[in-house]
């Protein structure tokens, strides 16, 4: 019975506040307040208050056990040690340090034949017209072309 009174008082207060917002010509805000004001009555009429109180009670019990129970802290410590070990082994394996007891890999059958490095052949620079501007659309990229030519690209 108390939950019915509380829910309908909350709904009436929310509707009154929404009415004040509408009176001040803030219709969007008034609509939001009206929508929120309908929630307590809707929750009571659908019978969800017992469910909500059960969820709140269970959450409070869990939080109390989290703070006060040494078994929970032992579990948290074990999870932390596990995470540290997993991260450490991943870090060690990336560094290439061999693990004890691991078999060495067999050597490759033969070394790969050496290939000479490919050197680019220098290309002749295109001649610029006498006017100082290039005739193609890439006239602004002449300095970029010069740098690439020096690098052999």
N, C-alpha and C. Protein backbone atom coordinates (compact mmCIF):
# COMPACT_ATOMS: atom_id res chain seq x y z
N UNK A 1 0.81 -1.19 0.00
CA UNK A 1 0.00 0.00 0.00
C UNK A 1 0.86 1.26 0.00
N UNK A 2 1.98 1.19 0.72
CA UNK A 2 2.87 2.34 0.77
C UNK A 2 3.51 2.61 -0.59
N UNK A 3 3.83 1.55 -1.31
CA UNK A 3 4.43 1.74 -2.62
C UNK A 3 3.45 2.39 -3.59
N UNK A 4 2.16 2.09 -3.46
CA UNK A 4 1.15 2.74 -4.31
C UNK A 4 1.09 4.23 -4.02
N UNK A 5 1.09 4.58 -2.76
CA UNK A 5 1.02 6.00 -2.39
C UNK A 5 2.25 6.75 -2.89
N UNK A 6 3.42 6.16 -2.69
CA UNK A 6 4.65 6.82 -3.12
C UNK A 6 4.68 6.98 -4.63
N UNK A 7 4.31 5.94 -5.35
CA UNK A 7 4.37 6.01 -6.81
C UNK A 7 3.40 7.04 -7.36
N UNK A 8 2.18 7.12 -6.81
CA UNK A 8 1.23 8.10 -7.32
C UNK A 8 1.57 9.52 -6.89
N UNK A 9 2.21 9.69 -5.73
CA UNK A 9 2.67 11.02 -5.32
C UNK A 9 3.79 11.50 -6.25
N UNK A 10 4.71 10.59 -6.58
CA UNK A 10 5.78 10.94 -7.51
C UNK A 10 5.23 11.28 -8.89
N UNK A 11 4.24 10.53 -9.33
CA UNK A 11 3.64 10.81 -10.63
C UNK A 11 2.94 12.16 -10.62
N UNK A 12 2.19 12.45 -9.56
CA UNK A 12 1.48 13.73 -9.49
C UNK A 12 2.48 14.90 -9.44
N UNK A 13 3.55 14.75 -8.68
CA UNK A 13 4.56 15.80 -8.62
C UNK A 13 5.22 16.03 -9.97
N UNK A 14 5.53 14.96 -10.67
CA UNK A 14 6.15 15.08 -11.99
C UNK A 14 5.22 15.72 -13.00
N UNK A 15 3.94 15.37 -12.95
CA UNK A 15 2.97 15.98 -13.86
C UNK A 15 2.82 17.47 -13.55
N UNK A 16 2.83 17.84 -12.27
CA UNK A 16 2.72 19.25 -11.89
C UNK A 16 3.95 20.02 -12.40
N UNK A 17 5.12 19.45 -12.24
CA UNK A 17 6.33 20.11 -12.73
C UNK A 17 6.31 20.23 -14.24
N UNK A 18 5.82 19.19 -14.93
CA UNK A 18 5.69 19.26 -16.39
C UNK A 18 4.72 20.36 -16.79
N UNK A 19 3.67 20.53 -16.00
CA UNK A 19 2.72 21.61 -16.28
C UNK A 19 3.36 22.98 -16.14
N UNK A 20 4.22 23.15 -15.13
CA UNK A 20 4.95 24.42 -14.97
C UNK A 20 5.87 24.68 -16.16
N UNK A 21 6.53 23.64 -16.63
CA UNK A 21 7.42 23.81 -17.79
C UNK A 21 6.62 24.18 -19.03
N UNK A 22 5.44 23.58 -19.19
CA UNK A 22 4.60 23.90 -20.34
C UNK A 22 4.07 25.33 -20.23
N UNK A 23 3.74 25.78 -19.01
CA UNK A 23 3.26 27.14 -18.79
C UNK A 23 4.33 28.16 -19.19
N UNK A 24 5.61 27.80 -19.00
CA UNK A 24 6.71 28.69 -19.37
C UNK A 24 7.11 28.53 -20.84
N UNK A 25 6.30 27.85 -21.60
CA UNK A 25 6.50 27.64 -23.04
C UNK A 25 7.75 26.81 -23.36
N UNK A 26 8.07 25.91 -22.49
CA UNK A 26 9.17 24.97 -22.73
C UNK A 26 8.55 23.59 -22.94
N UNK A 27 7.98 23.43 -24.12
CA UNK A 27 7.17 22.24 -24.38
C UNK A 27 7.99 20.96 -24.49
N UNK A 28 9.19 21.06 -25.04
CA UNK A 28 10.03 19.87 -25.15
C UNK A 28 10.42 19.37 -23.76
N UNK A 29 10.83 20.28 -22.89
CA UNK A 29 11.17 19.91 -21.53
C UNK A 29 9.95 19.39 -20.78
N UNK A 30 8.80 20.00 -21.01
CA UNK A 30 7.56 19.57 -20.36
C UNK A 30 7.19 18.15 -20.78
N UNK A 31 7.38 17.86 -22.03
CA UNK A 31 7.06 16.50 -22.51
C UNK A 31 7.99 15.47 -21.89
N UNK A 32 9.26 15.81 -21.75
CA UNK A 32 10.20 14.88 -21.11
C UNK A 32 9.83 14.65 -19.65
N UNK A 33 9.52 15.72 -18.93
CA UNK A 33 9.15 15.57 -17.53
C UNK A 33 7.86 14.77 -17.39
N UNK A 34 6.92 14.96 -18.29
CA UNK A 34 5.68 14.20 -18.24
C UNK A 34 5.94 12.71 -18.47
N UNK A 35 6.83 12.41 -19.42
CA UNK A 35 7.16 11.01 -19.69
C UNK A 35 7.82 10.36 -18.48
N UNK A 36 8.73 11.07 -17.84
CA UNK A 36 9.40 10.53 -16.65
C UNK A 36 8.42 10.41 -15.49
N UNK A 37 7.48 11.34 -15.40
CA UNK A 37 6.50 11.32 -14.31
C UNK A 37 5.58 10.12 -14.40
N UNK A 38 5.35 9.61 -15.58
CA UNK A 38 4.46 8.45 -15.73
C UNK A 38 5.12 7.14 -15.31
N UNK A 39 6.45 7.11 -15.18
CA UNK A 39 7.15 5.86 -14.86
C UNK A 39 6.77 5.26 -13.51
N UNK A 40 6.75 6.01 -12.41
CA UNK A 40 6.41 5.36 -11.13
C UNK A 40 5.03 4.70 -11.13
N UNK A 41 4.03 5.38 -11.69
CA UNK A 41 2.68 4.79 -11.73
C UNK A 41 2.68 3.55 -12.63
N UNK A 42 3.38 3.63 -13.73
CA UNK A 42 3.44 2.47 -14.63
C UNK A 42 4.13 1.28 -13.98
N UNK A 43 5.21 1.54 -13.25
CA UNK A 43 5.93 0.45 -12.57
C UNK A 43 5.05 -0.18 -11.51
N UNK A 44 4.29 0.64 -10.76
CA UNK A 44 3.42 0.08 -9.73
C UNK A 44 2.29 -0.73 -10.35
N UNK A 45 1.64 -0.18 -11.38
CA UNK A 45 0.48 -0.85 -11.96
C UNK A 45 0.85 -2.15 -12.68
N UNK A 46 2.06 -2.27 -13.17
CA UNK A 46 2.48 -3.53 -13.81
C UNK A 46 3.01 -4.54 -12.81
N UNK A 47 3.23 -4.12 -11.56
CA UNK A 47 3.70 -5.05 -10.54
C UNK A 47 5.20 -5.26 -10.55
N UNK A 48 5.95 -4.29 -11.03
CA UNK A 48 7.40 -4.43 -11.11
C UNK A 48 8.12 -3.96 -9.85
N UNK A 49 7.42 -3.38 -8.88
CA UNK A 49 8.08 -2.94 -7.66
C UNK A 49 8.69 -4.10 -6.88
N UNK A 50 8.02 -5.25 -6.74
CA UNK A 50 8.69 -6.37 -6.05
C UNK A 50 9.96 -6.83 -6.78
N UNK A 51 9.92 -6.83 -8.10
CA UNK A 51 11.11 -7.21 -8.87
C UNK A 51 12.23 -6.21 -8.65
N UNK A 52 11.91 -4.92 -8.69
CA UNK A 52 12.92 -3.89 -8.49
C UNK A 52 13.51 -3.97 -7.08
N UNK A 53 12.67 -4.24 -6.07
CA UNK A 53 13.19 -4.34 -4.71
C UNK A 53 14.06 -5.58 -4.55
N UNK A 54 13.72 -6.68 -5.21
CA UNK A 54 14.55 -7.88 -5.16
C UNK A 54 15.90 -7.63 -5.80
N UNK A 55 15.92 -6.96 -6.94
CA UNK A 55 17.18 -6.65 -7.62
C UNK A 55 18.04 -5.74 -6.75
N UNK A 56 17.43 -4.73 -6.15
CA UNK A 56 18.18 -3.81 -5.29
C UNK A 56 18.74 -4.53 -4.07
N UNK A 57 17.96 -5.43 -3.47
CA UNK A 57 18.42 -6.17 -2.30
C UNK A 57 19.59 -7.09 -2.66
N UNK A 58 19.48 -7.79 -3.78
CA UNK A 58 20.56 -8.69 -4.20
C UNK A 58 21.84 -7.91 -4.54
N UNK A 59 21.69 -6.77 -5.17
CA UNK A 59 22.84 -5.95 -5.48
C UNK A 59 23.51 -5.46 -4.20
N UNK A 60 22.72 -5.07 -3.22
CA UNK A 60 23.28 -4.62 -1.94
C UNK A 60 24.00 -5.76 -1.22
N UNK A 61 23.43 -6.97 -1.27
CA UNK A 61 24.10 -8.13 -0.67
C UNK A 61 25.44 -8.41 -1.35
N UNK A 62 25.46 -8.34 -2.68
CA UNK A 62 26.70 -8.57 -3.42
C UNK A 62 27.75 -7.52 -3.06
N UNK A 63 27.33 -6.26 -2.99
CA UNK A 63 28.28 -5.19 -2.67
C UNK A 63 28.82 -5.35 -1.26
N UNK A 64 27.97 -5.77 -0.32
CA UNK A 64 28.42 -5.99 1.05
C UNK A 64 29.44 -7.12 1.11
N UNK A 65 29.17 -8.18 0.39
CA UNK A 65 30.12 -9.30 0.36
C UNK A 65 31.43 -8.89 -0.31
N UNK A 66 31.34 -8.04 -1.31
CA UNK A 66 32.54 -7.58 -2.00
C UNK A 66 33.45 -6.82 -1.05
N UNK A 67 32.87 -6.03 -0.19
CA UNK A 67 33.67 -5.21 0.70
C UNK A 67 34.14 -5.99 1.92
N UNK A 68 33.30 -6.82 2.49
CA UNK A 68 33.59 -7.42 3.78
C UNK A 68 34.08 -8.87 3.76
N UNK A 69 33.87 -9.60 2.70
CA UNK A 69 34.19 -11.03 2.69
C UNK A 69 35.62 -11.26 2.22
N UNK A 70 36.47 -11.92 3.04
CA UNK A 70 37.85 -12.17 2.62
C UNK A 70 37.95 -13.16 1.45
N UNK A 71 36.95 -14.02 1.29
CA UNK A 71 36.99 -14.95 0.14
C UNK A 71 36.91 -14.18 -1.17
N UNK A 72 36.11 -13.13 -1.19
CA UNK A 72 35.98 -12.33 -2.41
C UNK A 72 37.31 -11.65 -2.74
N UNK A 73 37.99 -11.11 -1.72
CA UNK A 73 39.27 -10.46 -1.95
C UNK A 73 40.32 -11.47 -2.39
N UNK A 74 40.25 -12.70 -1.88
CA UNK A 74 41.16 -13.75 -2.34
C UNK A 74 40.91 -14.05 -3.81
N UNK A 75 39.65 -14.11 -4.20
CA UNK A 75 39.32 -14.33 -5.61
C UNK A 75 39.80 -13.20 -6.49
N UNK A 76 39.66 -11.96 -6.02
CA UNK A 76 40.15 -10.82 -6.79
C UNK A 76 41.66 -10.88 -6.93
N UNK A 77 42.36 -11.28 -5.86
CA UNK A 77 43.82 -11.40 -5.92
C UNK A 77 44.23 -12.49 -6.91
N UNK A 78 43.52 -13.61 -6.90
CA UNK A 78 43.83 -14.69 -7.85
C UNK A 78 43.60 -14.24 -9.30
N UNK A 79 42.53 -13.49 -9.54
CA UNK A 79 42.30 -12.97 -10.89
C UNK A 79 43.40 -12.01 -11.31
N UNK A 80 43.87 -11.18 -10.39
CA UNK A 80 44.96 -10.26 -10.69
C UNK A 80 46.26 -10.97 -11.00
N UNK A 81 46.60 -12.01 -10.20
CA UNK A 81 47.82 -12.79 -10.46
C UNK A 81 47.72 -13.48 -11.81
N UNK A 82 46.56 -14.01 -12.12
CA UNK A 82 46.37 -14.66 -13.41
C UNK A 82 46.58 -13.69 -14.56
N UNK A 83 46.02 -12.49 -14.44
CA UNK A 83 46.19 -11.49 -15.51
C UNK A 83 47.65 -11.08 -15.66
N UNK A 84 48.35 -10.90 -14.54
CA UNK A 84 49.77 -10.52 -14.61
C UNK A 84 50.59 -11.63 -15.26
N UNK A 85 50.31 -12.88 -14.92
CA UNK A 85 51.05 -13.99 -15.53
C UNK A 85 50.79 -14.07 -17.03
N UNK A 86 49.55 -13.89 -17.43
CA UNK A 86 49.24 -13.94 -18.86
C UNK A 86 49.94 -12.82 -19.63
N UNK A 87 49.92 -11.62 -19.08
CA UNK A 87 50.56 -10.50 -19.76
C UNK A 87 52.07 -10.69 -19.80
N UNK A 88 52.66 -11.19 -18.70
CA UNK A 88 54.11 -11.39 -18.64
C UNK A 88 54.56 -12.45 -19.64
N UNK A 89 53.84 -13.57 -19.71
CA UNK A 89 54.24 -14.60 -20.67
C UNK A 89 54.09 -14.12 -22.10
N UNK A 90 53.09 -13.31 -22.36
CA UNK A 90 52.93 -12.76 -23.71
C UNK A 90 54.09 -11.82 -24.03
N UNK A 91 54.50 -11.01 -23.06
CA UNK A 91 55.60 -10.08 -23.25
C UNK A 91 56.90 -10.82 -23.47
N UNK A 92 57.15 -11.89 -22.69
CA UNK A 92 58.38 -12.66 -22.83
C UNK A 92 58.41 -13.37 -24.17
N UNK A 93 57.29 -13.90 -24.62
CA UNK A 93 57.28 -14.60 -25.91
C UNK A 93 57.52 -13.64 -27.06
N UNK A 94 57.11 -12.41 -26.94
CA UNK A 94 57.36 -11.42 -28.01
C UNK A 94 58.81 -10.99 -28.04
N UNK A 95 59.48 -11.05 -26.93
CA UNK A 95 60.90 -10.66 -26.90
C UNK A 95 61.78 -11.73 -27.51
N UNK A 96 61.27 -12.92 -27.69
CA UNK A 96 62.03 -13.98 -28.32
C UNK A 96 62.85 -14.80 -27.35
N UNK A 97 62.63 -14.68 -26.08
CA UNK A 97 63.35 -15.46 -25.09
C UNK A 97 62.81 -16.88 -25.11
N UNK A 98 63.70 -17.87 -25.31
CA UNK A 98 63.19 -19.24 -25.37
C UNK A 98 62.71 -19.70 -24.00
N UNK A 99 61.67 -20.49 -24.03
CA UNK A 99 61.11 -21.04 -22.81
C UNK A 99 61.87 -22.30 -22.45
N UNK A 100 62.08 -22.55 -21.16
CA UNK A 100 62.82 -23.72 -20.74
C UNK A 100 62.08 -24.99 -21.16
N UNK A 101 62.81 -25.96 -21.63
CA UNK A 101 62.23 -27.24 -22.02
C UNK A 101 61.67 -27.25 -23.43
N UNK A 102 61.71 -26.12 -24.11
CA UNK A 102 61.20 -26.07 -25.47
C UNK A 102 62.26 -26.61 -26.42
N UNK A 103 61.83 -27.38 -27.40
CA UNK A 103 62.77 -27.93 -28.38
C UNK A 103 63.18 -26.83 -29.35
N UNK A 104 64.45 -26.90 -29.75
CA UNK A 104 64.92 -25.92 -30.71
C UNK A 104 64.41 -26.28 -32.09
N UNK A 105 64.22 -25.30 -32.89
CA UNK A 105 63.76 -25.55 -34.25
C UNK A 105 64.90 -26.10 -35.09
N UNK A 106 64.60 -27.00 -36.01
CA UNK A 106 65.68 -27.51 -36.87
C UNK A 106 66.17 -26.41 -37.81
N UNK A 107 67.44 -26.48 -38.13
CA UNK A 107 68.04 -25.48 -39.01
C UNK A 107 67.46 -25.60 -40.40
N UNK A 108 67.50 -24.54 -41.14
CA UNK A 108 66.99 -24.56 -42.50
C UNK A 108 67.89 -25.43 -43.37
N UNK A 109 67.34 -26.00 -44.41
CA UNK A 109 68.08 -26.93 -45.26
C UNK A 109 69.26 -26.24 -45.93
N UNK A 110 69.06 -25.10 -46.48
CA UNK A 110 70.15 -24.40 -47.15
C UNK A 110 69.87 -22.91 -47.08
N UNK A 111 70.93 -22.15 -47.16
CA UNK A 111 70.76 -20.71 -47.12
C UNK A 111 70.16 -20.24 -48.44
N UNK A 112 69.41 -19.23 -48.37
CA UNK A 112 68.79 -18.68 -49.57
C UNK A 112 69.88 -18.05 -50.44
N UNK A 113 69.78 -18.22 -51.74
CA UNK A 113 70.80 -17.63 -52.62
C UNK A 113 70.72 -16.10 -52.55
N UNK A 114 71.89 -15.49 -52.60
CA UNK A 114 71.92 -14.04 -52.54
C UNK A 114 71.57 -13.46 -53.90
N UNK A 115 70.74 -12.43 -53.85
CA UNK A 115 70.38 -11.75 -55.09
C UNK A 115 70.96 -10.36 -55.04
N UNK A 116 71.47 -9.90 -56.14
CA UNK A 116 72.00 -8.54 -56.13
C UNK A 116 70.86 -7.54 -55.97
N UNK A 117 71.19 -6.48 -55.29
CA UNK A 117 70.19 -5.44 -55.10
C UNK A 117 69.88 -4.78 -56.43
N UNK A 118 68.65 -4.47 -56.63
CA UNK A 118 68.23 -3.83 -57.86
C UNK A 118 68.45 -2.34 -57.70
N UNK A 119 69.23 -1.78 -58.61
CA UNK A 119 69.47 -0.34 -58.56
C UNK A 119 68.69 0.30 -59.68
N UNK A 120 68.01 1.37 -59.36
CA UNK A 120 67.25 2.02 -60.42
C UNK A 120 68.18 2.72 -61.40
N UNK A 121 67.78 2.71 -62.61
CA UNK A 121 68.58 3.39 -63.63
C UNK A 121 68.18 4.86 -63.64
N UNK A 122 69.16 5.73 -63.68
CA UNK A 122 68.82 7.16 -63.69
C UNK A 122 68.14 7.53 -65.00
N UNK A 123 67.09 8.31 -64.87
CA UNK A 123 66.36 8.74 -66.07
C UNK A 123 66.77 10.16 -66.38
N UNK A 124 66.68 10.47 -67.63
CA UNK A 124 67.02 11.83 -68.05
C UNK A 124 65.90 12.77 -67.62
N UNK A 125 66.28 13.91 -67.12
CA UNK A 125 65.30 14.89 -66.67
C UNK A 125 64.61 15.49 -67.87
N UNK A 126 63.30 15.64 -67.78
CA UNK A 126 62.62 16.26 -68.92
C UNK A 126 63.01 17.73 -69.02
N UNK A 127 63.09 18.16 -70.21
CA UNK A 127 63.51 19.54 -70.44
C UNK A 127 62.34 20.47 -70.21
N UNK A 128 62.62 21.58 -69.54
CA UNK A 128 61.59 22.56 -69.26
C UNK A 128 61.51 23.53 -70.42
N UNK A 129 60.31 24.02 -70.66
CA UNK A 129 60.18 25.01 -71.73
C UNK A 129 60.89 26.30 -71.35
N UNK A 130 61.15 27.11 -72.33
CA UNK A 130 61.92 28.34 -72.12
C UNK A 130 61.18 29.33 -71.24
N UNK A 131 59.85 29.29 -71.20
CA UNK A 131 59.07 30.25 -70.42
C UNK A 131 59.18 30.02 -68.92
N UNK A 132 59.72 28.94 -68.44
CA UNK A 132 59.86 28.66 -67.03
C UNK A 132 58.71 27.83 -66.46
N UNK A 133 57.61 27.71 -67.17
CA UNK A 133 56.49 26.91 -66.69
C UNK A 133 56.40 25.64 -67.52
N UNK A 134 55.98 24.57 -66.85
CA UNK A 134 55.78 23.33 -67.59
C UNK A 134 54.44 23.39 -68.29
N UNK A 135 54.34 22.69 -69.39
CA UNK A 135 53.11 22.74 -70.16
C UNK A 135 52.06 21.76 -69.65
N UNK A 136 52.46 20.74 -68.89
CA UNK A 136 51.47 19.77 -68.41
C UNK A 136 50.80 20.29 -67.14
N UNK A 137 49.86 19.53 -66.63
CA UNK A 137 49.08 19.95 -65.46
C UNK A 137 49.84 19.78 -64.16
N UNK A 138 51.00 19.16 -64.17
CA UNK A 138 51.76 18.88 -62.96
C UNK A 138 52.87 19.89 -62.74
N UNK A 139 52.72 21.09 -63.18
CA UNK A 139 53.75 22.10 -63.06
C UNK A 139 54.11 22.40 -61.61
N UNK A 140 53.18 22.28 -60.70
CA UNK A 140 53.45 22.58 -59.30
C UNK A 140 54.23 21.47 -58.61
N UNK A 141 54.33 20.33 -59.22
CA UNK A 141 55.01 19.19 -58.59
C UNK A 141 56.43 19.00 -59.11
N UNK A 142 57.01 20.02 -59.70
CA UNK A 142 58.36 19.91 -60.24
C UNK A 142 59.37 19.65 -59.14
N UNK A 143 59.20 20.31 -57.97
CA UNK A 143 60.16 20.10 -56.88
C UNK A 143 60.03 18.69 -56.30
N UNK A 144 58.81 18.15 -56.28
CA UNK A 144 58.62 16.78 -55.80
C UNK A 144 59.28 15.80 -56.76
N UNK A 145 59.12 16.04 -58.04
CA UNK A 145 59.75 15.18 -59.04
C UNK A 145 61.27 15.22 -58.91
N UNK A 146 61.81 16.39 -58.64
CA UNK A 146 63.26 16.52 -58.49
C UNK A 146 63.76 15.72 -57.29
N UNK A 147 63.04 15.79 -56.17
CA UNK A 147 63.45 15.03 -54.98
C UNK A 147 63.37 13.53 -55.26
N UNK A 148 62.31 13.10 -55.89
CA UNK A 148 62.18 11.67 -56.21
C UNK A 148 63.26 11.23 -57.19
N UNK A 149 63.62 12.07 -58.10
CA UNK A 149 64.67 11.72 -59.07
C UNK A 149 66.01 11.58 -58.36
N UNK A 150 66.29 12.47 -57.37
CA UNK A 150 67.54 12.38 -56.62
C UNK A 150 67.62 11.08 -55.83
N UNK A 151 66.49 10.64 -55.34
CA UNK A 151 66.45 9.40 -54.56
C UNK A 151 66.45 8.16 -55.45
N UNK A 152 66.26 8.32 -56.71
CA UNK A 152 66.25 7.19 -57.64
C UNK A 152 64.92 6.49 -57.69
N UNK A 153 63.88 7.19 -57.37
CA UNK A 153 62.54 6.58 -57.38
C UNK A 153 61.85 6.94 -58.65
